[in-house]
N, C-alpha and C. Protein backbone atom coordinates (compact mmCIF):
# COMPACT_ATOMS: atom_id res chain seq x y z
N UNK A 1 8.61 -10.60 -32.02
CA UNK A 1 8.51 -10.55 -30.66
C UNK A 1 8.97 -12.01 -30.17
N UNK A 2 9.65 -12.16 -29.15
CA UNK A 2 10.00 -13.31 -28.68
C UNK A 2 8.93 -13.95 -27.64
N UNK A 3 8.86 -15.12 -27.35
CA UNK A 3 7.86 -15.68 -26.63
C UNK A 3 7.82 -15.18 -25.13
N UNK A 4 9.00 -15.04 -24.43
CA UNK A 4 8.84 -14.52 -23.16
C UNK A 4 8.13 -13.09 -22.97
N UNK A 5 8.44 -12.05 -24.14
CA UNK A 5 7.98 -10.97 -24.14
C UNK A 5 6.32 -11.10 -24.32
N UNK A 6 5.89 -11.84 -25.16
CA UNK A 6 4.59 -12.24 -25.39
C UNK A 6 3.81 -12.61 -24.11
N UNK A 7 4.44 -13.70 -23.37
CA UNK A 7 3.92 -14.20 -22.24
C UNK A 7 3.86 -13.15 -21.12
N UNK A 8 4.91 -12.20 -20.89
CA UNK A 8 4.85 -11.01 -19.80
C UNK A 8 3.77 -10.20 -20.32
N UNK A 9 3.60 -9.86 -21.50
CA UNK A 9 2.55 -8.80 -21.86
C UNK A 9 1.17 -9.57 -21.52
N UNK A 10 1.08 -10.87 -21.83
CA UNK A 10 -0.28 -11.43 -21.59
C UNK A 10 -0.57 -11.57 -20.10
N UNK A 11 0.43 -11.77 -19.32
CA UNK A 11 0.39 -11.80 -17.78
C UNK A 11 -0.13 -10.41 -17.20
N UNK A 12 0.48 -9.28 -17.62
CA UNK A 12 0.11 -8.01 -17.34
C UNK A 12 -1.36 -7.58 -17.72
N UNK A 13 -1.72 -7.94 -19.00
CA UNK A 13 -3.10 -7.76 -19.45
C UNK A 13 -4.02 -8.47 -18.71
N UNK A 14 -3.88 -9.81 -18.47
CA UNK A 14 -4.93 -10.64 -17.63
C UNK A 14 -4.96 -10.03 -16.33
N UNK A 15 -4.11 -9.85 -15.54
CA UNK A 15 -4.12 -9.44 -14.09
C UNK A 15 -4.57 -7.92 -14.19
N UNK A 16 -4.28 -7.12 -15.20
CA UNK A 16 -4.91 -5.76 -15.14
C UNK A 16 -6.45 -5.87 -15.31
N UNK A 17 -6.90 -6.68 -16.16
CA UNK A 17 -8.30 -6.79 -16.43
C UNK A 17 -9.02 -7.27 -15.09
N UNK A 18 -8.40 -8.46 -14.57
CA UNK A 18 -9.02 -8.92 -13.35
C UNK A 18 -8.93 -8.12 -12.11
N UNK A 19 -7.93 -7.24 -11.98
CA UNK A 19 -7.90 -6.13 -10.94
C UNK A 19 -8.94 -5.19 -11.17
N UNK A 20 -9.23 -4.66 -12.29
CA UNK A 20 -10.21 -3.82 -12.80
C UNK A 20 -11.60 -4.30 -12.34
N UNK A 21 -11.88 -5.43 -12.85
CA UNK A 21 -13.02 -6.16 -12.67
C UNK A 21 -13.37 -6.44 -11.15
N UNK A 22 -12.32 -6.86 -10.38
CA UNK A 22 -12.55 -6.98 -9.01
C UNK A 22 -12.68 -5.73 -8.13
N UNK A 23 -12.25 -4.56 -8.78
CA UNK A 23 -12.35 -3.34 -7.90
C UNK A 23 -13.63 -2.65 -8.42
N UNK A 24 -14.31 -3.13 -9.36
CA UNK A 24 -15.50 -2.33 -9.85
C UNK A 24 -16.48 -1.96 -8.79
N UNK A 25 -16.83 -2.79 -7.89
CA UNK A 25 -17.78 -2.57 -6.83
C UNK A 25 -17.12 -1.57 -5.67
N UNK A 26 -17.67 -0.57 -5.62
CA UNK A 26 -17.35 0.42 -4.57
C UNK A 26 -17.97 -0.17 -3.18
N UNK A 27 -17.00 -0.21 -2.22
CA UNK A 27 -17.45 -0.68 -0.91
C UNK A 27 -17.01 -2.09 -0.70
N UNK A 28 -16.51 -2.80 -1.68
CA UNK A 28 -16.15 -4.18 -1.45
C UNK A 28 -14.56 -4.26 -1.06
N UNK A 29 -13.79 -3.92 -2.08
CA UNK A 29 -12.33 -4.03 -1.66
C UNK A 29 -11.79 -2.66 -1.51
N UNK A 30 -10.78 -2.30 -0.55
CA UNK A 30 -10.39 -1.09 -0.29
C UNK A 30 -9.56 -0.59 -1.49
N UNK A 31 -9.16 0.76 -1.57
CA UNK A 31 -8.31 1.20 -2.60
C UNK A 31 -6.93 0.73 -2.61
N UNK A 32 -6.50 0.24 -1.38
CA UNK A 32 -5.13 -0.30 -1.37
C UNK A 32 -5.09 -1.53 -2.19
N UNK A 33 -6.13 -2.31 -2.47
CA UNK A 33 -6.24 -3.56 -3.25
C UNK A 33 -5.74 -3.10 -4.69
N UNK A 34 -6.32 -2.19 -5.40
CA UNK A 34 -6.04 -1.90 -6.55
C UNK A 34 -4.82 -1.09 -6.76
N UNK A 35 -4.41 -0.28 -5.76
CA UNK A 35 -3.18 0.40 -5.74
C UNK A 35 -2.04 -0.45 -5.72
N UNK A 36 -2.20 -1.61 -4.78
CA UNK A 36 -1.00 -2.53 -4.73
C UNK A 36 -0.86 -3.32 -6.12
N UNK A 37 -1.94 -3.78 -6.59
CA UNK A 37 -1.94 -4.57 -7.77
C UNK A 37 -1.42 -3.72 -9.03
N UNK A 38 -2.00 -2.51 -9.03
CA UNK A 38 -1.52 -1.65 -10.13
C UNK A 38 -0.01 -1.29 -10.06
N UNK A 39 0.55 -1.09 -8.93
CA UNK A 39 1.81 -0.82 -8.73
C UNK A 39 2.75 -1.97 -9.16
N UNK A 40 2.26 -3.14 -8.70
CA UNK A 40 3.12 -4.47 -9.19
C UNK A 40 3.02 -4.69 -10.60
N UNK A 41 1.76 -4.42 -11.28
CA UNK A 41 1.76 -4.39 -12.71
C UNK A 41 2.75 -3.36 -13.30
N UNK A 42 2.91 -2.26 -12.77
CA UNK A 42 3.87 -1.22 -13.25
C UNK A 42 5.30 -1.80 -13.42
N UNK A 43 5.56 -2.73 -12.41
CA UNK A 43 6.90 -3.47 -12.36
C UNK A 43 7.02 -4.30 -13.55
N UNK A 44 6.01 -4.89 -13.95
CA UNK A 44 5.94 -5.77 -15.23
C UNK A 44 6.03 -4.85 -16.41
N UNK A 45 5.32 -3.79 -16.48
CA UNK A 45 5.69 -2.73 -17.68
C UNK A 45 7.13 -2.45 -17.67
N UNK A 46 7.85 -2.24 -16.51
CA UNK A 46 9.25 -2.07 -16.48
C UNK A 46 9.98 -3.31 -17.08
N UNK A 47 9.51 -4.38 -16.93
CA UNK A 47 10.17 -5.42 -17.40
C UNK A 47 9.86 -5.56 -18.87
N UNK A 48 8.78 -5.14 -19.47
CA UNK A 48 8.61 -5.02 -20.86
C UNK A 48 9.52 -4.01 -21.47
N UNK A 49 9.72 -2.78 -20.75
CA UNK A 49 10.34 -1.73 -21.35
C UNK A 49 11.89 -2.05 -21.31
N UNK A 50 12.28 -2.79 -20.38
CA UNK A 50 13.78 -3.28 -20.23
C UNK A 50 13.93 -4.81 -20.59
N UNK A 51 13.94 -5.17 -21.90
CA UNK A 51 13.74 -6.56 -22.13
C UNK A 51 15.13 -7.56 -21.79
N UNK A 52 16.10 -6.78 -21.58
CA UNK A 52 17.35 -7.64 -21.20
C UNK A 52 17.45 -7.65 -19.56
N UNK A 53 16.70 -6.88 -18.95
CA UNK A 53 16.71 -6.81 -17.31
C UNK A 53 16.04 -7.90 -16.66
N UNK A 54 17.08 -8.62 -16.00
CA UNK A 54 16.40 -9.77 -15.03
C UNK A 54 15.81 -9.03 -13.75
N UNK A 55 16.53 -8.00 -13.33
CA UNK A 55 16.10 -7.25 -12.15
C UNK A 55 14.65 -6.86 -12.01
N UNK A 56 14.24 -6.35 -13.31
CA UNK A 56 12.86 -5.89 -13.29
C UNK A 56 11.98 -7.18 -13.10
N UNK A 57 12.19 -8.36 -13.67
CA UNK A 57 11.48 -9.51 -13.69
C UNK A 57 11.53 -9.89 -12.18
N UNK A 58 12.73 -9.83 -11.58
CA UNK A 58 12.81 -10.41 -10.22
C UNK A 58 11.80 -9.43 -9.20
N UNK A 59 12.07 -8.43 -9.37
CA UNK A 59 11.14 -7.35 -8.64
C UNK A 59 9.79 -7.73 -8.78
N UNK A 60 9.33 -7.81 -10.02
CA UNK A 60 8.00 -7.99 -10.39
C UNK A 60 7.47 -9.34 -9.63
N UNK A 61 8.41 -10.50 -9.76
CA UNK A 61 8.17 -11.83 -9.32
C UNK A 61 8.01 -11.70 -7.71
N UNK A 62 8.89 -11.10 -7.12
CA UNK A 62 8.90 -11.01 -5.57
C UNK A 62 7.68 -10.37 -5.13
N UNK A 63 7.38 -9.28 -5.70
CA UNK A 63 6.12 -8.54 -5.26
C UNK A 63 4.89 -9.21 -5.61
N UNK A 64 4.89 -9.77 -6.71
CA UNK A 64 3.88 -10.61 -7.13
C UNK A 64 3.53 -11.79 -6.13
N UNK A 65 4.68 -12.49 -5.75
CA UNK A 65 4.33 -13.46 -4.65
C UNK A 65 3.77 -12.98 -3.44
N UNK A 66 4.29 -11.83 -2.88
CA UNK A 66 3.93 -11.13 -1.74
C UNK A 66 2.34 -10.69 -1.95
N UNK A 67 2.07 -10.32 -3.24
CA UNK A 67 0.57 -9.89 -3.40
C UNK A 67 -0.54 -11.00 -3.23
N UNK A 68 0.23 -12.35 -3.36
CA UNK A 68 -0.77 -13.45 -3.00
C UNK A 68 -1.23 -13.53 -1.66
N UNK A 69 -0.31 -13.34 -0.76
CA UNK A 69 -0.66 -13.11 0.70
C UNK A 69 -1.68 -11.92 0.92
N UNK A 70 -1.26 -10.77 0.29
CA UNK A 70 -1.91 -9.65 0.57
C UNK A 70 -3.54 -9.65 -0.03
N UNK A 71 -3.66 -10.41 -1.17
CA UNK A 71 -5.03 -10.67 -1.59
C UNK A 71 -5.78 -11.49 -0.84
N UNK A 72 -5.14 -12.47 -0.15
CA UNK A 72 -5.93 -13.50 0.75
C UNK A 72 -6.19 -12.66 1.89
N UNK A 73 -5.49 -11.74 2.44
CA UNK A 73 -5.95 -10.96 3.70
C UNK A 73 -7.01 -9.93 3.30
N UNK A 74 -6.82 -9.27 2.14
CA UNK A 74 -7.87 -8.27 1.70
C UNK A 74 -9.32 -8.98 1.35
N UNK A 75 -9.36 -10.15 0.81
CA UNK A 75 -10.66 -10.90 0.49
C UNK A 75 -11.20 -11.44 1.89
N UNK A 76 -10.15 -11.99 2.81
CA UNK A 76 -10.72 -12.53 3.84
C UNK A 76 -11.44 -11.51 4.96
N UNK A 77 -10.77 -10.19 4.94
CA UNK A 77 -11.33 -9.05 5.69
C UNK A 77 -12.59 -8.64 5.15
N UNK A 78 -12.53 -8.32 3.85
CA UNK A 78 -13.58 -7.39 3.27
C UNK A 78 -14.64 -8.03 2.69
N UNK A 79 -14.61 -9.33 2.36
CA UNK A 79 -15.55 -10.10 1.66
C UNK A 79 -16.80 -10.29 2.66
N UNK A 80 -16.54 -10.71 3.93
CA UNK A 80 -17.58 -10.84 4.96
C UNK A 80 -18.40 -9.63 5.07
N UNK A 81 -17.69 -8.43 5.32
CA UNK A 81 -18.33 -7.19 5.57
C UNK A 81 -19.14 -6.73 4.28
N UNK A 82 -18.67 -6.98 3.16
CA UNK A 82 -19.42 -6.60 1.99
C UNK A 82 -20.56 -7.57 1.88
N UNK A 83 -20.40 -8.79 2.21
CA UNK A 83 -21.59 -9.85 2.19
C UNK A 83 -22.62 -9.43 2.88
N UNK A 84 -22.36 -9.00 4.13
CA UNK A 84 -23.53 -8.44 4.98
C UNK A 84 -24.22 -7.26 4.44
N UNK A 85 -23.55 -6.41 3.83
CA UNK A 85 -23.97 -5.14 3.28
C UNK A 85 -24.74 -5.35 1.91
N UNK A 86 -24.33 -6.30 1.12
CA UNK A 86 -24.93 -6.30 -0.22
C UNK A 86 -25.79 -7.60 -0.53
N UNK A 87 -25.57 -8.54 0.39
CA UNK A 87 -26.49 -9.90 0.06
C UNK A 87 -27.65 -9.77 0.85
N UNK A 88 -28.55 -8.81 0.27
CA UNK A 88 -29.92 -8.65 1.03
C UNK A 88 -30.97 -9.04 0.00
N UNK A 89 -32.09 -9.36 0.44
CA UNK A 89 -33.09 -9.81 -0.48
C UNK A 89 -33.66 -8.64 -1.55
N UNK A 90 -33.48 -7.36 -1.17
CA UNK A 90 -33.94 -6.35 -2.01
C UNK A 90 -32.79 -5.59 -2.48
N UNK A 91 -31.56 -5.96 -2.42
CA UNK A 91 -30.34 -5.33 -2.77
C UNK A 91 -30.17 -5.41 -4.37
N UNK A 92 -29.92 -4.24 -5.01
CA UNK A 92 -29.69 -4.09 -6.49
C UNK A 92 -28.35 -4.33 -6.80
N UNK A 93 -27.43 -4.52 -5.79
CA UNK A 93 -26.05 -4.57 -6.35
C UNK A 93 -25.38 -6.23 -5.95
N UNK A 94 -26.32 -6.91 -5.81
CA UNK A 94 -25.96 -8.35 -5.49
C UNK A 94 -25.00 -8.88 -6.65
N UNK A 95 -25.42 -8.79 -7.70
CA UNK A 95 -24.78 -9.27 -8.93
C UNK A 95 -23.49 -8.56 -9.17
N UNK A 96 -23.38 -7.39 -8.94
CA UNK A 96 -22.10 -6.61 -9.00
C UNK A 96 -21.11 -6.98 -8.00
N UNK A 97 -21.76 -7.42 -6.77
CA UNK A 97 -20.79 -7.86 -5.62
C UNK A 97 -20.36 -9.24 -5.97
N UNK A 98 -21.13 -10.07 -6.37
CA UNK A 98 -20.77 -11.43 -6.68
C UNK A 98 -19.74 -11.57 -7.88
N UNK A 99 -19.95 -10.54 -8.89
CA UNK A 99 -18.85 -10.52 -10.01
C UNK A 99 -17.63 -10.11 -9.50
N UNK A 100 -17.54 -8.91 -8.57
CA UNK A 100 -16.29 -8.51 -8.21
C UNK A 100 -15.61 -9.60 -7.22
N UNK A 101 -16.48 -10.32 -6.58
CA UNK A 101 -15.84 -11.27 -5.65
C UNK A 101 -15.22 -12.38 -6.34
N UNK A 102 -15.97 -12.79 -7.40
CA UNK A 102 -15.51 -13.93 -8.34
C UNK A 102 -14.21 -13.49 -8.97
N UNK A 103 -14.24 -12.19 -9.54
CA UNK A 103 -12.97 -11.82 -10.35
C UNK A 103 -11.77 -11.66 -9.24
N UNK A 104 -11.89 -11.30 -7.92
CA UNK A 104 -10.89 -11.08 -7.08
C UNK A 104 -10.24 -12.49 -6.59
N UNK A 105 -11.29 -13.61 -6.70
CA UNK A 105 -10.84 -14.92 -6.34
C UNK A 105 -10.22 -15.44 -7.51
N UNK A 106 -10.65 -15.39 -8.99
CA UNK A 106 -9.82 -15.78 -9.96
C UNK A 106 -8.55 -15.06 -10.08
N UNK A 107 -8.42 -13.81 -9.84
CA UNK A 107 -7.11 -13.27 -9.86
C UNK A 107 -6.17 -13.85 -8.93
N UNK A 108 -6.66 -14.32 -7.77
CA UNK A 108 -5.80 -14.84 -6.64
C UNK A 108 -5.51 -16.44 -7.09
N UNK A 109 -6.42 -16.98 -7.74
CA UNK A 109 -6.09 -18.35 -8.26
C UNK A 109 -5.19 -18.42 -9.46
N UNK A 110 -5.04 -17.40 -10.24
CA UNK A 110 -4.25 -17.42 -11.41
C UNK A 110 -2.84 -16.90 -11.07
N UNK A 111 -2.80 -16.18 -9.84
CA UNK A 111 -1.46 -15.63 -9.55
C UNK A 111 -0.21 -16.73 -9.32
N UNK A 112 -0.46 -17.85 -8.69
CA UNK A 112 0.61 -18.87 -8.72
C UNK A 112 1.12 -19.38 -10.01
N UNK A 113 0.02 -19.52 -10.88
CA UNK A 113 0.47 -19.93 -12.24
C UNK A 113 1.32 -18.85 -12.87
N UNK A 114 1.02 -17.70 -12.78
CA UNK A 114 1.71 -16.52 -13.44
C UNK A 114 3.14 -16.28 -12.75
N UNK A 115 3.19 -16.63 -11.47
CA UNK A 115 4.42 -16.59 -10.73
C UNK A 115 5.40 -17.59 -11.33
N UNK A 116 4.84 -18.77 -11.66
CA UNK A 116 5.73 -19.81 -12.32
C UNK A 116 6.23 -19.19 -13.69
N UNK A 117 5.40 -18.70 -14.51
CA UNK A 117 5.73 -17.94 -15.78
C UNK A 117 6.72 -17.02 -15.63
N UNK A 118 6.58 -16.10 -14.59
CA UNK A 118 7.49 -15.18 -14.44
C UNK A 118 8.89 -15.73 -13.95
N UNK A 119 8.86 -16.68 -13.20
CA UNK A 119 10.19 -17.40 -12.82
C UNK A 119 10.76 -17.81 -14.03
N UNK A 120 10.12 -18.42 -15.01
CA UNK A 120 10.68 -18.90 -16.13
C UNK A 120 11.32 -17.65 -17.15
N UNK A 121 10.59 -16.68 -17.20
CA UNK A 121 11.07 -15.53 -17.77
C UNK A 121 12.30 -14.99 -17.29
N UNK A 122 12.38 -15.09 -15.84
CA UNK A 122 13.52 -14.54 -15.16
C UNK A 122 14.78 -15.48 -15.52
N UNK A 123 14.32 -16.77 -15.52
CA UNK A 123 15.66 -17.58 -15.92
C UNK A 123 15.87 -17.49 -17.41
N UNK A 124 15.00 -17.15 -18.26
CA UNK A 124 15.32 -16.84 -19.72
C UNK A 124 16.16 -15.63 -19.90
N UNK A 125 15.97 -14.63 -19.03
CA UNK A 125 16.78 -13.27 -19.17
C UNK A 125 17.96 -13.58 -18.47
N UNK A 126 18.47 -14.68 -18.04
CA UNK A 126 19.73 -14.99 -17.41
C UNK A 126 19.86 -14.70 -15.91
N UNK A 127 18.70 -14.69 -15.32
CA UNK A 127 18.80 -14.65 -13.80
C UNK A 127 19.01 -15.91 -13.32
N UNK A 128 19.56 -15.86 -12.02
CA UNK A 128 19.96 -17.13 -11.47
C UNK A 128 19.45 -17.07 -9.98
N UNK A 129 18.96 -18.14 -9.47
CA UNK A 129 18.47 -18.02 -8.02
C UNK A 129 19.81 -18.01 -7.22
N UNK A 130 20.92 -18.33 -7.44
CA UNK A 130 22.09 -18.28 -6.55
C UNK A 130 22.77 -16.79 -6.66
N UNK A 131 22.35 -16.07 -7.61
CA UNK A 131 22.87 -14.73 -7.72
C UNK A 131 21.90 -13.61 -6.79
N UNK A 132 20.95 -14.01 -6.18
CA UNK A 132 20.18 -13.21 -5.34
C UNK A 132 20.94 -12.92 -4.18
N UNK A 133 21.21 -11.67 -4.05
CA UNK A 133 22.05 -11.44 -2.71
C UNK A 133 21.13 -10.66 -1.62
N UNK A 134 21.20 -11.14 -0.52
CA UNK A 134 20.26 -10.50 0.48
C UNK A 134 21.44 -9.96 1.58
N UNK A 135 21.47 -8.80 2.00
CA UNK A 135 22.27 -8.31 2.95
C UNK A 135 22.26 -9.05 4.18
N UNK A 136 23.36 -9.53 4.77
CA UNK A 136 23.46 -10.26 6.07
C UNK A 136 23.61 -11.75 5.82
N UNK A 137 23.15 -12.16 4.42
CA UNK A 137 23.19 -13.61 4.08
C UNK A 137 24.08 -13.78 2.79
N UNK A 138 25.47 -13.87 3.16
CA UNK A 138 26.41 -13.89 2.01
C UNK A 138 26.32 -14.93 1.20
N UNK A 139 25.81 -16.12 1.61
CA UNK A 139 25.80 -17.40 0.58
C UNK A 139 24.30 -17.63 0.43
N UNK A 140 23.42 -16.70 0.20
CA UNK A 140 22.12 -17.14 0.15
C UNK A 140 21.85 -17.77 -1.35
N UNK A 141 21.40 -18.95 -1.60
CA UNK A 141 21.13 -19.41 -2.64
C UNK A 141 22.23 -20.34 -3.23
N UNK A 142 23.30 -20.30 -2.44
CA UNK A 142 24.58 -21.24 -2.78
C UNK A 142 24.86 -22.35 -1.69
N UNK A 143 25.43 -23.37 -2.15
CA UNK A 143 25.83 -24.37 -1.18
C UNK A 143 26.85 -23.84 -0.26
N UNK A 144 26.78 -24.41 1.00
CA UNK A 144 27.86 -23.66 1.94
C UNK A 144 29.33 -24.21 1.53
N UNK A 145 29.45 -25.21 0.89
CA UNK A 145 30.75 -25.51 0.59
C UNK A 145 31.48 -24.71 -0.60
N UNK A 146 30.65 -24.08 -1.43
CA UNK A 146 31.26 -23.33 -2.48
C UNK A 146 31.48 -22.01 -2.22
N UNK A 147 32.57 -21.54 -2.79
CA UNK A 147 32.94 -20.03 -2.30
C UNK A 147 32.28 -19.12 -3.37
N UNK A 148 31.38 -19.57 -4.24
CA UNK A 148 30.86 -18.65 -5.29
C UNK A 148 31.37 -18.87 -6.53
N UNK A 149 31.07 -18.03 -7.49
CA UNK A 149 31.44 -18.24 -8.80
C UNK A 149 32.87 -17.62 -9.16
N UNK A 150 33.25 -16.86 -8.34
CA UNK A 150 34.55 -16.13 -8.73
C UNK A 150 35.92 -16.77 -8.09
N UNK A 151 36.80 -16.66 -8.91
CA UNK A 151 38.07 -17.24 -8.53
C UNK A 151 38.80 -16.43 -7.55
N UNK A 152 39.46 -16.96 -6.45
CA UNK A 152 40.17 -16.28 -5.63
C UNK A 152 41.49 -15.79 -6.13
N UNK A 153 41.81 -14.39 -6.34
CA UNK A 153 43.04 -14.15 -7.07
C UNK A 153 44.19 -14.11 -6.05
N UNK A 154 44.17 -14.26 -4.70
CA UNK A 154 45.01 -14.20 -3.79
C UNK A 154 45.87 -15.57 -3.78
N UNK A 155 45.32 -16.63 -4.31
CA UNK A 155 45.97 -17.82 -4.31
C UNK A 155 46.46 -18.22 -5.68
N UNK A 156 47.62 -18.90 -5.70
CA UNK A 156 48.07 -19.35 -7.10
C UNK A 156 47.19 -20.12 -7.70
N UNK A 157 47.19 -20.11 -9.27
CA UNK A 157 46.45 -21.09 -9.92
C UNK A 157 47.10 -22.38 -9.85
N UNK A 158 46.46 -23.30 -9.56
CA UNK A 158 46.97 -24.70 -9.73
C UNK A 158 47.30 -25.20 -11.01
N UNK A 159 48.42 -25.74 -11.24
CA UNK A 159 48.78 -26.37 -12.45
C UNK A 159 49.01 -27.84 -12.36
N UNK A 160 49.04 -28.44 -13.58
CA UNK A 160 49.18 -29.89 -13.60
C UNK A 160 50.68 -30.21 -14.00
N UNK A 161 51.48 -30.06 -13.24
CA UNK A 161 52.92 -30.38 -13.65
C UNK A 161 53.42 -31.85 -13.28
N UNK A 162 52.94 -32.82 -13.89
CA UNK A 162 53.30 -34.14 -13.62
C UNK A 162 54.59 -34.46 -14.40
N UNK A 163 55.72 -34.92 -13.71
CA UNK A 163 56.97 -35.45 -14.40
C UNK A 163 56.50 -36.69 -15.22
N UNK A 164 57.02 -36.60 -16.47
CA UNK A 164 56.93 -37.71 -17.18
C UNK A 164 58.13 -38.66 -16.93
N UNK A 165 58.00 -39.88 -17.24
CA UNK A 165 59.07 -40.72 -17.06
C UNK A 165 60.34 -40.35 -17.99
N UNK A 166 60.14 -39.94 -19.13
CA UNK A 166 61.18 -39.59 -20.02
C UNK A 166 62.09 -38.30 -19.43
N UNK A 167 61.39 -37.55 -18.65
CA UNK A 167 62.20 -36.42 -18.06
C UNK A 167 63.43 -36.79 -17.12
N UNK A 168 63.14 -38.14 -16.41
CA UNK A 168 64.27 -38.50 -15.53
C UNK A 168 65.11 -39.39 -16.06
N UNK A 169 65.15 -39.77 -17.46
CA UNK A 169 66.02 -40.73 -18.16
C UNK A 169 67.16 -40.04 -18.58
N UNK A 170 68.36 -40.33 -17.80
CA UNK A 170 69.49 -39.80 -18.42
C UNK A 170 69.91 -40.09 -19.89
N UNK A 171 69.51 -41.20 -20.27
CA UNK A 171 69.84 -41.65 -21.68
C UNK A 171 68.86 -41.24 -22.65
N UNK A 172 68.00 -40.36 -22.38
CA UNK A 172 67.00 -40.05 -23.40
C UNK A 172 67.41 -39.56 -24.75
N UNK A 173 68.67 -38.77 -24.65
CA UNK A 173 69.14 -38.22 -25.99
C UNK A 173 69.95 -39.10 -26.68
N UNK A 174 70.31 -40.38 -26.12
CA UNK A 174 71.16 -41.25 -26.67
C UNK A 174 70.27 -42.35 -27.62
N UNK A 175 70.76 -42.68 -28.52
CA UNK A 175 69.96 -43.80 -29.11
C UNK A 175 70.08 -45.20 -28.33
N UNK A 176 69.20 -46.11 -28.35
CA UNK A 176 69.39 -47.37 -27.56
C UNK A 176 70.33 -48.34 -28.21
N UNK A 177 71.12 -49.01 -27.26
CA UNK A 177 72.14 -49.80 -27.61
C UNK A 177 71.78 -51.20 -27.78
N UNK A 178 72.16 -51.74 -28.88
CA UNK A 178 71.74 -53.13 -29.17
C UNK A 178 72.77 -54.17 -28.99
N UNK A 179 72.59 -55.19 -28.19
CA UNK A 179 73.88 -56.08 -28.03
C UNK A 179 74.29 -56.88 -29.23
């Protein structure tokens, strides 16, 4: 097993465990939280199944980055509501609520680091930032002065035909004359 494959598997396992632990408490996070995260993890499984595909890792990386914002929104909306419901003096679910909250926050904290690892895996598989094409943005990821990686076949290939001084010497085939 090569190191990128091992690290991709580790990323998926860590996030899977953290998502399950964060979703343990019924009434804290909505089903959309675990459904979104598990769908994104399935893209990671696709990346394991296709070890040469940079597209699978790119999709996993992009949705992983989007899920950071989604997790912030889910936690910001549902944590105060769950806090009011479960942080009562006689509540028997306080520990479960705190554990689920902690795991959702740990999952959120770990995601930027795993995004960096996913980007490294994307680069190892031959993906380049300059090859990401977005419709409507023809030069996305490229400098505006370059025309891309491909050679224009409509224009002739430039050659380096510099005339040497020997080409213009009319006496080149004659031996030198000595006085």
